[in-house]
Every structure is written in structure tokens, then in C-alpha cells.
PDB file of N, CA and C in Angstrom:
ATOM      1  N   MET A   1     -57.200 132.974-108.574  1.00  0.00           N
ATOM      2  CA  MET A   1     -55.455 132.297-108.377  1.00  0.00           C
ATOM      3  C   MET A   1     -56.162 131.879-106.958  1.00  0.00           C
ATOM      4  N   SER A   2     -55.035 130.992-106.530  1.00  0.00           N
ATOM      5  CA  SER A   2     -55.394 130.049-105.646  1.00  0.00           C
ATOM      6  C   SER A   2     -54.654 130.989-104.575  1.00  0.00           C
ATOM      7  N   ARG A   3     -55.427 130.115-102.922  1.00  0.00           N
ATOM      8  CA  ARG A   3     -54.608 130.198-101.902  1.00  0.00           C
ATOM      9  C   ARG A   3     -53.330 129.310-101.526  1.00  0.00           C
ATOM     10  N   VAL A   4     -52.283 130.226-101.674  1.00  0.00           N
ATOM     11  CA  VAL A   4     -51.101 129.053-101.339  1.00  0.00           C
ATOM     12  C   VAL A   4     -50.570 129.250-100.438  1.00  0.00           C
ATOM     13  N   VAL A   5     -50.190 127.792 -99.829  1.00  0.00           N
ATOM     14  CA  VAL A   5     -49.610 128.066 -98.461  1.00  0.00           C
ATOM     15  C   VAL A   5     -47.750 127.666 -98.613  1.00  0.00           C
ATOM     16  N   VAL A   6     -46.722 127.821 -98.273  1.00  0.00           N
ATOM     17  CA  VAL A   6     -45.563 127.530 -98.896  1.00  0.00           C
ATOM     18  C   VAL A   6     -45.057 126.684 -97.126  1.00  0.00           C
ATOM     19  N   VAL A   7     -44.330 125.847 -96.866  1.00  0.00           N
ATOM     20  CA  VAL A   7     -43.670 125.592 -96.026  1.00  0.00           C
ATOM     21  C   VAL A   7     -42.294 125.267 -95.992  1.00  0.00           C
ATOM     22  N   GLY A   8     -41.330 124.786 -95.469  1.00  0.00           N
ATOM     23  CA  GLY A   8     -39.754 123.943 -95.455  1.00  0.00           C
ATOM     24  C   GLY A   8     -39.453 124.315 -94.642  1.00  0.00           C
ATOM     25  N   TYR A   9     -37.931 124.316 -94.726  1.00  0.00           N
ATOM     26  CA  TYR A   9     -36.922 124.278 -93.407  1.00  0.00           C
ATOM     27  C   TYR A   9     -36.825 125.445 -93.049  1.00  0.00           C
ATOM     28  N   CYS A  10     -36.427 125.889 -91.755  1.00  0.00           N
ATOM     29  CA  CYS A  10     -35.293 127.388 -91.947  1.00  0.00           C
ATOM     30  C   CYS A  10     -34.272 127.618 -92.517  1.00  0.00           C
ATOM     31  N   ALA A  11     -34.494 128.848 -92.772  1.00  0.00           N
ATOM     32  CA  ALA A  11     -33.627 129.267 -94.273  1.00  0.00           C
ATOM     33  C   ALA A  11     -34.229 128.639 -95.646  1.00  0.00           C
ATOM     34  N   SER A  12     -35.148 127.958 -95.947  1.00  0.00           N
ATOM     35  CA  SER A  12     -34.922 128.085 -97.243  1.00  0.00           C
ATOM     36  C   SER A  12     -36.112 128.345 -98.138  1.00  0.00           C
ATOM     37  N   GLY A  13     -35.756 129.699 -97.404  1.00  0.00           N
ATOM     38  CA  GLY A  13     -36.355 131.201 -98.731  1.00  0.00           C
ATOM     39  C   GLY A  13     -37.774 131.204 -98.394  1.00  0.00           C
ATOM     40  N   LYS A  14     -38.800 130.538 -97.717  1.00  0.00           N
ATOM     41  CA  LYS A  14     -39.667 130.842 -96.973  1.00  0.00           C
ATOM     42  C   LYS A  14     -40.585 132.034 -97.437  1.00  0.00           C
ATOM     43  N   SER A  15     -39.742 132.790 -96.396  1.00  0.00           N
ATOM     44  CA  SER A  15     -40.168 134.628 -96.173  1.00  0.00           C
ATOM     45  C   SER A  15     -40.401 135.355 -97.005  1.00  0.00           C
ATOM     46  N   SER A  16     -39.374 135.209 -98.272  1.00  0.00           N
ATOM     47  CA  SER A  16     -38.437 135.758 -99.353  1.00  0.00           C
ATOM     48  C   SER A  16     -39.650 135.632-100.932  1.00  0.00           C
ATOM     49  N   VAL A  17     -39.732 134.368-100.854  1.00  0.00           N
ATOM     50  CA  VAL A  17     -40.831 133.525-101.581  1.00  0.00           C
ATOM     51  C   VAL A  17     -42.047 133.978-101.573  1.00  0.00           C
ATOM     52  N   VAL A  18     -42.879 134.367-100.614  1.00  0.00           N
ATOM     53  CA  VAL A  18     -43.745 134.653-100.181  1.00  0.00           C
ATOM     54  C   VAL A  18     -43.783 135.998-100.863  1.00  0.00           C
ATOM     55  N   ALA A  19     -42.907 136.872 -99.648  1.00  0.00           N
ATOM     56  CA  ALA A  19     -42.775 138.089 -99.752  1.00  0.00           C
ATOM     57  C   ALA A  19     -42.900 138.490-102.048  1.00  0.00           C
ATOM     58  N   ALA A  20     -42.361 137.705-102.604  1.00  0.00           N
ATOM     59  CA  ALA A  20     -41.898 137.650-104.136  1.00  0.00           C
ATOM     60  C   ALA A  20     -43.402 137.687-104.742  1.00  0.00           C
ATOM     61  N   LEU A  21     -43.749 136.489-104.250  1.00  0.00           N
ATOM     62  CA  LEU A  21     -45.467 135.868-104.681  1.00  0.00           C
ATOM     63  C   LEU A  21     -46.463 136.911-104.105  1.00  0.00           C
ATOM     64  N   GLN A  22     -46.487 137.616-103.219  1.00  0.00           N
ATOM     65  CA  GLN A  22     -47.004 138.553-102.563  1.00  0.00           C
ATOM     66  C   GLN A  22     -47.329 140.111-103.661  1.00  0.00           C
ATOM     67  N   LYS A  23     -45.827 140.045-104.027  1.00  0.00           N
ATOM     68  CA  LYS A  23     -46.035 140.769-105.208  1.00  0.00           C
ATOM     69  C   LYS A  23     -46.465 141.105-106.774  1.00  0.00           C
ATOM     70  N   GLN A  24     -46.348 139.740-107.366  1.00  0.00           N
ATOM     71  CA  GLN A  24     -47.062 139.362-107.697  1.00  0.00           C
ATOM     72  C   GLN A  24     -48.530 139.095-107.898  1.00  0.00           C
ATOM     73  N   GLY A  25     -49.161 139.355-106.534  1.00  0.00           N
ATOM     74  CA  GLY A  25     -50.858 139.584-106.718  1.00  0.00           C
ATOM     75  C   GLY A  25     -51.311 137.931-106.236  1.00  0.00           C
ATOM     76  N   VAL A  26     -50.189 137.065-105.965  1.00  0.00           N
ATOM     77  CA  VAL A  26     -50.650 135.508-104.879  1.00  0.00           C
ATOM     78  C   VAL A  26     -51.130 135.728-104.077  1.00  0.00           C
ATOM     79  N   ASP A  27     -52.308 135.355-103.608  1.00  0.00           N
ATOM     80  CA  ASP A  27     -52.269 135.176-101.856  1.00  0.00           C
ATOM     81  C   ASP A  27     -51.700 134.138-101.105  1.00  0.00           C
ATOM     82  N   ALA A  28     -50.685 134.241-100.950  1.00  0.00           N
ATOM     83  CA  ALA A  28     -49.749 133.246-100.485  1.00  0.00           C
ATOM     84  C   ALA A  28     -48.984 133.693 -98.837  1.00  0.00           C
ATOM     85  N   GLU A  29     -48.719 132.793 -98.321  1.00  0.00           N
ATOM     86  CA  GLU A  29     -48.168 132.912 -96.409  1.00  0.00           C
ATOM     87  C   GLU A  29     -48.030 131.181 -96.229  1.00  0.00           C
ATOM     88  N   ALA A  30     -46.840 132.054 -95.618  1.00  0.00           N
ATOM     89  CA  ALA A  30     -45.317 131.361 -94.674  1.00  0.00           C
ATOM     90  C   ALA A  30     -46.250 130.666 -92.971  1.00  0.00           C
ATOM     91  N   VAL A  31     -45.591 129.650 -93.457  1.00  0.00           N
ATOM     92  CA  VAL A  31     -45.964 128.521 -91.954  1.00  0.00           C
ATOM     93  C   VAL A  31     -45.074 127.936 -91.619  1.00  0.00           C
ATOM     94  N   ALA A  32     -44.836 128.075 -90.385  1.00  0.00           N
ATOM     95  CA  ALA A  32     -43.246 127.994 -89.706  1.00  0.00           C
ATOM     96  C   ALA A  32     -43.795 126.119 -88.807  1.00  0.00           C
ATOM     97  N   GLN A  33     -43.937 125.618 -90.165  1.00  0.00           N
ATOM     98  CA  GLN A  33     -44.269 124.167 -89.779  1.00  0.00           C
ATOM     99  C   GLN A  33     -43.656 123.348 -88.742  1.00  0.00           C
ATOM    100  N   GLU A  34     -42.381 123.806 -89.780  1.00  0.00           N
ATOM    101  CA  GLU A  34     -40.872 122.761 -89.104  1.00  0.00           C
ATOM    102  C   GLU A  34     -40.186 123.250 -87.602  1.00  0.00           C
ATOM    103  N   HIS A  35     -41.361 123.969 -86.650  1.00  0.00           N
ATOM    104  CA  HIS A  35     -41.567 124.417 -85.577  1.00  0.00           C
ATOM    105  C   HIS A  35     -42.251 124.102 -85.138  1.00  0.00           C
ATOM    106  N   SER A  36     -43.729 123.392 -85.348  1.00  0.00           N
ATOM    107  CA  SER A  36     -44.269 123.247 -84.804  1.00  0.00           C
ATOM    108  C   SER A  36     -44.512 121.401 -84.205  1.00  0.00           C
ATOM    109  N   VAL A  37     -45.119 121.259 -83.523  1.00  0.00           N
ATOM    110  CA  VAL A  37     -45.735 119.739 -83.204  1.00  0.00           C
ATOM    111  C   VAL A  37     -46.597 119.646 -83.652  1.00  0.00           C
ATOM    112  N   ILE A  38     -48.003 121.048 -84.349  1.00  0.00           N
ATOM    113  CA  ILE A  38     -49.000 120.379 -84.788  1.00  0.00           C
ATOM    114  C   ILE A  38     -48.508 119.604 -85.985  1.00  0.00           C
ATOM    115  N   ARG A  39     -49.264 118.396 -86.614  1.00  0.00           N
ATOM    116  CA  ARG A  39     -48.138 117.922 -87.166  1.00  0.00           C
ATOM    117  C   ARG A  39     -48.902 119.068 -88.784  1.00  0.00           C
ATOM    118  N   GLU A  40     -49.908 119.007 -88.826  1.00  0.00           N
ATOM    119  CA  GLU A  40     -50.780 119.816 -89.758  1.00  0.00           C
ATOM    120  C   GLU A  40     -50.815 121.218 -89.666  1.00  0.00           C
ATOM    121  N   LEU A  41     -50.180 122.356 -88.849  1.00  0.00           N
ATOM    122  CA  LEU A  41     -50.262 123.417 -88.902  1.00  0.00           C
ATOM    123  C   LEU A  41     -50.740 123.827 -90.536  1.00  0.00           C
ATOM    124  N   TRP A  42     -49.783 123.200 -91.649  1.00  0.00           N
ATOM    125  CA  TRP A  42     -50.412 124.299 -92.800  1.00  0.00           C
ATOM    126  C   TRP A  42     -51.402 124.395 -93.073  1.00  0.00           C
ATOM    127  N   ASN A  43     -52.242 122.978 -92.533  1.00  0.00           N
ATOM    128  CA  ASN A  43     -54.124 123.096 -93.533  1.00  0.00           C
ATOM    129  C   ASN A  43     -54.810 124.083 -92.398  1.00  0.00           C
ATOM    130  N   HIS A  44     -54.364 124.426 -91.390  1.00  0.00           N
ATOM    131  CA  HIS A  44     -55.282 124.976 -91.214  1.00  0.00           C
ATOM    132  C   HIS A  44     -55.406 126.406 -91.751  1.00  0.00           C
ATOM    133  N   TYR A  45     -54.317 126.854 -92.513  1.00  0.00           N
ATOM    134  CA  TYR A  45     -54.440 128.138 -93.358  1.00  0.00           C
ATOM    135  C   TYR A  45     -55.364 127.580 -94.955  1.00  0.00           C
ATOM    136  N   ARG A  46     -55.882 126.366 -94.886  1.00  0.00           N
ATOM    137  CA  ARG A  46     -56.909 126.252 -96.120  1.00  0.00           C
ATOM    138  C   ARG A  46     -56.446 126.375 -96.931  1.00  0.00           C
ATOM    139  N   PRO A  47     -55.305 126.044 -97.478  1.00  0.00           N
ATOM    140  CA  PRO A  47     -54.621 125.735 -98.777  1.00  0.00           C
ATOM    141  C   PRO A  47     -55.241 125.181 -99.614  1.00  0.00           C
ATOM    142  N   GLU A  48     -55.086 125.834-101.052  1.00  0.00           N
ATOM    143  CA  GLU A  48     -55.328 125.236-102.161  1.00  0.00           C
ATOM    144  C   GLU A  48     -54.769 124.826-103.017  1.00  0.00           C
ATOM    145  N   LYS A  49     -53.011 125.364-102.378  1.00  0.00           N
ATOM    146  CA  LYS A  49     -51.925 125.054-103.139  1.00  0.00           C
ATOM    147  C   LYS A  49     -50.747 124.592-101.991  1.00  0.00           C
ATOM    148  N   LEU A  50     -50.160 124.023-101.858  1.00  0.00           N
ATOM    149  CA  LEU A  50     -49.134 123.420-100.994  1.00  0.00           C
ATOM    150  C   LEU A  50     -48.049 123.383-101.407  1.00  0.00           C
ATOM    151  N   ILE A  51     -47.029 124.273-101.370  1.00  0.00           N
ATOM    152  CA  ILE A  51     -45.381 124.147-101.894  1.00  0.00           C
ATOM    153  C   ILE A  51     -45.016 124.255-100.956  1.00  0.00           C
ATOM    154  N   PHE A  52     -43.635 123.243-100.911  1.00  0.00           N
ATOM    155  CA  PHE A  52     -42.847 122.786 -99.915  1.00  0.00           C
ATOM    156  C   PHE A  52     -41.401 123.299-100.703  1.00  0.00           C
ATOM    157  N   LEU A  53     -40.567 124.049 -99.859  1.00  0.00           N
ATOM    158  CA  LEU A  53     -39.216 124.448 -99.997  1.00  0.00           C
ATOM    159  C   LEU A  53     -38.424 124.011 -99.282  1.00  0.00           C
ATOM    160  N   ASP A  54     -37.389 123.137-100.257  1.00  0.00           N
ATOM    161  CA  ASP A  54     -36.810 121.481 -99.346  1.00  0.00           C
ATOM    162  C   ASP A  54     -35.144 121.959 -99.849  1.00  0.00           C
ATOM    163  N   VAL A  55     -33.869 121.654 -98.883  1.00  0.00           N
ATOM    164  CA  VAL A  55     -32.838 122.248 -98.671  1.00  0.00           C
ATOM    165  C   VAL A  55     -32.043 121.574 -98.356  1.00  0.00           C
ATOM    166  N   THR A  56     -30.995 121.687 -98.583  1.00  0.00           N
ATOM    167  CA  THR A  56     -30.165 120.862 -98.233  1.00  0.00           C
ATOM    168  C   THR A  56     -29.559 121.251 -96.118  1.00  0.00           C
ATOM    169  N   LEU A  57     -29.085 120.353 -95.885  1.00  0.00           N
ATOM    170  CA  LEU A  57     -28.076 120.902 -94.346  1.00  0.00           C
ATOM    171  C   LEU A  57     -26.660 121.748 -94.900  1.00  0.00           C
ATOM    172  N   GLU A  58     -26.533 121.078 -95.613  1.00  0.00           N
ATOM    173  CA  GLU A  58     -25.143 122.081 -95.926  1.00  0.00           C
ATOM    174  C   GLU A  58     -25.796 123.583 -96.486  1.00  0.00           C
ATOM    175  N   GLN A  59     -26.289 123.674 -97.180  1.00  0.00           N
ATOM    176  CA  GLN A  59     -27.412 124.913 -97.754  1.00  0.00           C
ATOM    177  C   GLN A  59     -28.021 125.276 -96.677  1.00  0.00           C
ATOM    178  N   ILE A  60     -28.083 125.117 -96.058  1.00  0.00           N
ATOM    179  CA  ILE A  60     -28.992 125.843 -94.370  1.00  0.00           C
ATOM    180  C   ILE A  60     -27.629 126.593 -93.817  1.00  0.00           C
ATOM    181  N   ARG A  61     -26.613 125.726 -93.622  1.00  0.00           N
ATOM    182  CA  ARG A  61     -25.190 126.154 -92.853  1.00  0.00           C
ATOM    183  C   ARG A  61     -24.810 127.699 -93.529  1.00  0.00           C
ATOM    184  N   ALA A  62     -24.950 127.197 -94.755  1.00  0.00           N
ATOM    185  CA  ALA A  62     -24.213 128.472 -95.548  1.00  0.00           C
ATOM    186  C   ALA A  62     -25.190 129.366 -95.546  1.00  0.00           C
ATOM    187  N   ARG A  63     -26.150 129.241 -95.598  1.00  0.00           N
ATOM    188  CA  ARG A  63     -27.220 130.411 -95.782  1.00  0.00           C
ATOM    189  C   ARG A  63     -26.786 131.428 -94.067  1.00  0.00           C
ATOM    190  N   ARG A  64     -27.017 130.626 -92.934  1.00  0.00           N
ATOM    191  CA  ARG A  64     -26.725 130.794 -92.066  1.00  0.00           C
ATOM    192  C   ARG A  64     -25.527 132.033 -91.081  1.00  0.00           C
ATOM    193  N   ARG A  65     -24.874 131.214 -92.537  1.00  0.00           N
ATOM    194  CA  ARG A  65     -23.047 131.443 -92.203  1.00  0.00           C
ATOM    195  C   ARG A  65     -22.759 130.679 -90.676  1.00  0.00           C
ATOM    196  N   ASN A  66     -22.882 129.415 -90.633  1.00  0.00           N
ATOM    197  CA  ASN A  66     -22.623 128.949 -89.160  1.00  0.00           C
ATOM    198  C   ASN A  66     -22.553 127.011 -90.367  1.00  0.00           C
ATOM    199  N   PRO A  67     -21.173 127.386 -89.828  1.00  0.00           N
ATOM    200  CA  PRO A  67     -21.202 125.412 -90.695  1.00  0.00           C
ATOM    201  C   PRO A  67     -21.437 124.608 -89.235  1.00  0.00           C
ATOM    202  N   ALA A  68     -21.513 124.501 -87.698  1.00  0.00           N
ATOM    203  CA  ALA A  68     -21.439 124.327 -87.170  1.00  0.00           C
ATOM    204  C   ALA A  68     -23.086 123.742 -86.431  1.00  0.00           C
ATOM    205  N   TRP A  69     -24.050 124.484 -87.919  1.00  0.00           N
ATOM    206  CA  TRP A  69     -25.479 124.755 -87.405  1.00  0.00           C
ATOM    207  C   TRP A  69     -25.408 123.195 -87.007  1.00  0.00           C
ATOM    208  N   PRO A  70     -26.817 122.591 -86.468  1.00  0.00           N
ATOM    209  CA  PRO A  70     -26.920 121.278 -85.920  1.00  0.00           C
ATOM    210  C   PRO A  70     -27.782 120.930 -86.746  1.00  0.00           C
ATOM    211  N   ASP A  71     -27.067 120.106 -87.297  1.00  0.00           N
ATOM    212  CA  ASP A  71     -27.856 118.345 -87.640  1.00  0.00           C
ATOM    213  C   ASP A  71     -29.184 117.941 -86.853  1.00  0.00           C
ATOM    214  N   TRP A  72     -29.230 118.063 -85.266  1.00  0.00           N
ATOM    215  CA  TRP A  72     -30.302 117.619 -85.095  1.00  0.00           C
ATOM    216  C   TRP A  72     -31.401 118.307 -85.002  1.00  0.00           C
ATOM    217  N   ILE A  73     -31.009 119.882 -85.339  1.00  0.00           N
ATOM    218  CA  ILE A  73     -32.495 120.532 -85.687  1.00  0.00           C
ATOM    219  C   ILE A  73     -32.941 120.300 -86.653  1.00  0.00           C
ATOM    220  N   TYR A  74     -31.942 120.090 -88.414  1.00  0.00           N
ATOM    221  CA  TYR A  74     -32.489 119.810 -89.390  1.00  0.00           C
ATOM    222  C   TYR A  74     -33.494 118.059 -88.852  1.00  0.00           C
ATOM    223  N   ASP A  75     -32.714 117.320 -88.570  1.00  0.00           N
ATOM    224  CA  ASP A  75     -33.746 116.345 -88.423  1.00  0.00           C
ATOM    225  C   ASP A  75     -34.898 116.211 -88.115  1.00  0.00           C
ATOM    226  N   LEU A  76     -35.104 116.994 -86.934  1.00  0.00           N
ATOM    227  CA  LEU A  76     -36.138 117.212 -86.212  1.00  0.00           C
ATOM    228  C   LEU A  76     -37.467 117.627 -86.948  1.00  0.00           C
ATOM    229  N   GLN A  77     -36.397 119.112 -87.933  1.00  0.00           N
ATOM    230  CA  GLN A  77     -37.726 119.487 -89.010  1.00  0.00           C
ATOM    231  C   GLN A  77     -37.694 118.925 -90.097  1.00  0.00           C
ATOM    232  N   THR A  78     -36.937 117.408 -90.482  1.00  0.00           N
ATOM    233  CA  THR A  78     -37.600 116.751 -91.342  1.00  0.00           C
ATOM    234  C   THR A  78     -38.984 116.030 -90.776  1.00  0.00           C
ATOM    235  N   GLU A  79     -38.382 115.565 -89.915  1.00  0.00           N
ATOM    236  CA  GLU A  79     -39.506 114.729 -89.335  1.00  0.00           C
ATOM    237  C   GLU A  79     -40.931 115.742 -88.794  1.00  0.00           C
ATOM    238  N   ARG A  80     -40.925 117.076 -88.383  1.00  0.00           N
ATOM    239  CA  ARG A  80     -42.020 117.971 -88.572  1.00  0.00           C
ATOM    240  C   ARG A  80     -42.360 117.916 -89.812  1.00  0.00           C
ATOM    241  N   LEU A  81     -41.951 117.692 -90.967  1.00  0.00           N
ATOM    242  CA  LEU A  81     -41.844 118.569 -91.835  1.00  0.00           C
ATOM    243  C   LEU A  81     -42.688 117.235 -92.708  1.00  0.00           C
ATOM    244  N   ASN A  82     -42.340 116.301 -92.805  1.00  0.00           N
ATOM    245  CA  ASN A  82     -42.529 115.274 -93.208  1.00  0.00           C
ATOM    246  C   ASN A  82     -44.497 115.106 -93.672  1.00  0.00           C
ATOM    247  N   GLY A  83     -44.869 115.249 -93.033  1.00  0.00           N
ATOM    248  CA  GLY A  83     -46.188 115.306 -93.665  1.00  0.00           C
ATOM    249  C   GLY A  83     -46.544 116.159 -94.586  1.00  0.00           C
ATOM    250  N   ALA A  84     -46.210 117.847 -94.367  1.00  0.00           N
ATOM    251  CA  ALA A  84     -46.618 118.424 -95.435  1.00  0.00           C
ATOM    252  C   ALA A  84     -45.866 118.122 -96.959  1.00  0.00           C
ATOM    253  N   ARG A  85     -44.813 117.838 -96.955  1.00  0.00           N
ATOM    254  CA  ARG A  85     -43.782 117.306 -97.838  1.00  0.00           C
ATOM    255  C   ARG A  85     -45.093 116.276 -98.972  1.00  0.00           C
ATOM    256  N   GLU A  86     -45.062 115.295 -98.217  1.00  0.00           N
ATOM    257  CA  GLU A  86     -45.956 114.123 -99.012  1.00  0.00           C
ATOM    258  C   GLU A  86     -47.611 114.864 -99.130  1.00  0.00           C
ATOM    259  N   ARG A  87     -47.557 116.116 -98.640  1.00  0.00           N
ATOM    260  CA  ARG A  87     -48.818 116.433 -99.158  1.00  0.00           C
ATOM    261  C   ARG A  87     -49.149 117.631 -99.960  1.00  0.00           C
ATOM    262  N   ALA A  88     -47.765 118.241-100.372  1.00  0.00           N
ATOM    263  CA  ALA A  88     -47.713 119.296-101.099  1.00  0.00           C
ATOM    264  C   ALA A  88     -47.435 118.833-102.906  1.00  0.00           C
ATOM    265  N   ASP A  89     -48.229 119.575-103.308  1.00  0.00           N
ATOM    266  CA  ASP A  89     -48.690 120.067-104.533  1.00  0.00           C
ATOM    267  C   ASP A  89     -47.575 119.873-105.410  1.00  0.00           C
ATOM    268  N   LEU A  90     -46.448 121.144-104.895  1.00  0.00           N
ATOM    269  CA  LEU A  90     -45.286 121.080-105.342  1.00  0.00           C
ATOM    270  C   LEU A  90     -44.026 121.213-104.169  1.00  0.00           C
ATOM    271  N   VAL A  91     -43.047 120.490-105.022  1.00  0.00           N
ATOM    272  CA  VAL A  91     -41.713 120.372-104.045  1.00  0.00           C
ATOM    273  C   VAL A  91     -40.620 121.082-104.877  1.00  0.00           C
ATOM    274  N   VAL A  92     -40.211 122.289-104.514  1.00  0.00           N
ATOM    275  CA  VAL A  92     -38.827 123.251-105.332  1.00  0.00           C
ATOM    276  C   VAL A  92     -37.267 123.299-103.728  1.00  0.00           C
ATOM    277  N   ASN A  93     -36.598 122.397-104.743  1.00  0.00           N
ATOM    278  CA  ASN A  93     -35.376 122.152-104.218  1.00  0.00           C
ATOM    279  C   ASN A  93     -34.952 123.773-103.969  1.00  0.00           C
ATOM    280  N   THR A  94     -33.951 124.219-103.246  1.00  0.00           N
ATOM    281  CA  THR A  94     -34.149 125.837-103.383  1.00  0.00           C
ATOM    282  C   THR A  94     -32.456 126.039-103.275  1.00  0.00           C
ATOM    283  N   ALA A  95     -31.892 125.028-102.949  1.00  0.00           N
ATOM    284  CA  ALA A  95     -30.630 124.604-102.457  1.00  0.00           C
ATOM    285  C   ALA A  95     -29.428 125.545-103.689  1.00  0.00           C
ATOM    286  N   GLU A  96     -30.043 125.324-104.938  1.00  0.00           N
ATOM    287  CA  GLU A  96     -29.456 125.787-105.897  1.00  0.00           C
ATOM    288  C   GLU A  96     -29.853 126.364-106.858  1.00  0.00           C
ATOM    289  N   LEU A  97     -30.582 126.960-106.055  1.00  0.00           N
ATOM    290  CA  LEU A  97     -31.723 128.140-107.481  1.00  0.00           C
ATOM    291  C   LEU A  97     -31.627 129.326-106.333  1.00  0.00           C
ATOM    292  N   ASP A  98     -31.693 130.492-107.004  1.00  0.00           N
ATOM    293  CA  ASP A  98     -31.521 131.935-106.560  1.00  0.00           C
ATOM    294  C   ASP A  98     -33.352 131.679-106.323  1.00  0.00           C
ATOM    295  N   LEU A  99     -33.438 133.244-105.729  1.00  0.00           N
ATOM    296  CA  LEU A  99     -35.178 133.561-105.292  1.00  0.00           C
ATOM    297  C   LEU A  99     -35.947 133.377-106.912  1.00  0.00           C
ATOM    298  N   ASP A 100     -34.941 134.231-107.286  1.00  0.00           N
ATOM    299  CA  ASP A 100     -36.501 134.638-108.667  1.00  0.00           C
ATOM    300  C   ASP A 100     -36.823 133.474-109.438  1.00  0.00           C
ATOM    301  N   SER A 101     -35.679 131.926-109.643  1.00  0.00           N
ATOM    302  CA  SER A 101     -35.563 130.907-110.197  1.00  0.00           C
ATOM    303  C   SER A 101     -36.896 129.719-109.433  1.00  0.00           C
ATOM    304  N   VAL A 102     -36.577 129.971-107.930  1.00  0.00           N
ATOM    305  CA  VAL A 102     -38.090 129.769-107.223  1.00  0.00           C
ATOM    306  C   VAL A 102     -38.750 130.578-107.431  1.00  0.00           C
ATOM    307  N   VAL A 103     -39.428 131.681-107.512  1.00  0.00           N
ATOM    308  CA  VAL A 103     -40.788 132.048-107.572  1.00  0.00           C
ATOM    309  C   VAL A 103     -40.799 131.651-109.437  1.00  0.00           C
ATOM    310  N   GLN A 104     -40.115 131.565-109.629  1.00  0.00           N
ATOM    311  CA  GLN A 104     -40.648 131.321-111.480  1.00  0.00           C
ATOM    312  C   GLN A 104     -41.339 130.249-111.766  1.00  0.00           C
ATOM    313  N   ARG A 105     -40.731 128.729-110.827  1.00  0.00           N
ATOM    314  CA  ARG A 105     -41.237 127.774-110.906  1.00  0.00           C
ATOM    315  C   ARG A 105     -42.334 127.557-109.584  1.00  0.00           C
ATOM    316  N   VAL A 106     -42.725 128.832-108.742  1.00  0.00           N
ATOM    317  CA  VAL A 106     -43.256 127.929-108.221  1.00  0.00           C
ATOM    318  C   VAL A 106     -45.164 128.725-109.599  1.00  0.00           C
ATOM    319  N   LEU A 107     -44.124 130.340-110.251  1.00  0.00           N
ATOM    320  CA  LEU A 107     -45.596 130.754-110.873  1.00  0.00           C
ATOM    321  C   LEU A 107     -46.197 130.129-111.914  1.00  0.00           C
ATOM    322  N   ASN A 108     -45.000 129.517-112.126  1.00  0.00           N
ATOM    323  CA  ASN A 108     -45.403 128.661-113.407  1.00  0.00           C
ATOM    324  C   ASN A 108     -46.216 127.209-113.380  1.00  0.00           C
ATOM    325  N   TYR A 109     -45.907 126.663-111.940  1.00  0.00           N
ATOM    326  CA  TYR A 109     -46.696 125.614-111.395  1.00  0.00           C
ATOM    327  C   TYR A 109     -48.064 126.435-111.446  1.00  0.00           C
ATOM    328  N   LEU A 110     -48.424 127.177-110.771  1.00  0.00           N
ATOM    329  CA  LEU A 110     -49.926 128.210-110.384  1.00  0.00           C
ATOM    330  C   LEU A 110     -50.156 128.181-111.283  1.00  0.00           C
ATOM    331  N   GLU A 111     -49.535 129.009-112.564  1.00  0.00           N
ATOM    332  CA  GLU A 111     -50.531 128.760-113.800  1.00  0.00           C
ATOM    333  C   GLU A 111     -51.198 127.681-114.729  1.00  0.00           C
ATOM    334  N   ALA A 112     -50.108 126.744-114.547  1.00  0.00           N
ATOM    335  CA  ALA A 112     -50.591 125.594-114.991  1.00  0.00           C
ATOM    336  C   ALA A 112     -51.278 124.699-114.348  1.00  0.00           C
ATOM    337  N   ASN A 113     -51.644 124.988-113.499  1.00  0.00           N
ATOM    338  CA  ASN A 113     -52.161 123.877-112.523  1.00  0.00           C
ATOM    339  C   ASN A 113     -53.595 124.737-111.710  1.00  0.00           C
ATOM    340  N   ASP A 114     -53.905 126.199-112.114  1.00  0.00           N
ATOM    341  CA  ASP A 114     -55.491 126.720-111.570  1.00  0.00           C
ATOM    342  C   ASP A 114     -56.456 126.314-112.552  1.00  0.00           C
TER     343      ASP A 114
END
């Protein structure tokens, strides 16, 4: 199976998704691209598949239980993630999906494209 790198916003579910994928035997790693000024930090991990986890500002605020979580941080993360989003093999919006559904989408994609 492919080496999988997962990127996305804070609270998009990167760590949880990667942990679940690893339990399924997938070589997966989360990269904190949203915190890096290195535009292609994710590429340093040599992914065969790049998975992008998208999430809305409203959902981040709900997950963090902080209705005032700053929109400027979301905007900054959007800018830092643009290159990864454009290059992603799969984009999954985690705002309306539970962890199992996100993981299953990724696994289905990997099975169909490996």
C-alpha cells in the first residue's frame, strides 16, 4: 500500500485519521503544514498519496469549544494549505463526517487507486 501523508487545518482530524489508518496497516503520517511557512513541507515526507482534510471555520470552533477561535488563523492556515490542497490526491471535508466515515473514504480511495 502507498505511503500516505495527511494534511489539513487544525482540528480537521489529521491525528485521529492517521492513527486509524495505521491500525489498518496503512503507512500514514500527519504533517502540520498549516503551521509551516515551508510551502511544501508535506512533500519532504515523500508521499505516494496526499490526503487533504478540509473543515469549516464553524466546525473548528465547535470542535475546540471556542466560538471566538480567530478567523485570521483560519485564513492564515488556508494560505499555508493552498499548495497541498491543489496537489492532493483526495480531499475529504470532515465537517459533516464522523471519524469512521472519513477513514472509510480514505481506505476506499486507496484501494481503488493503489
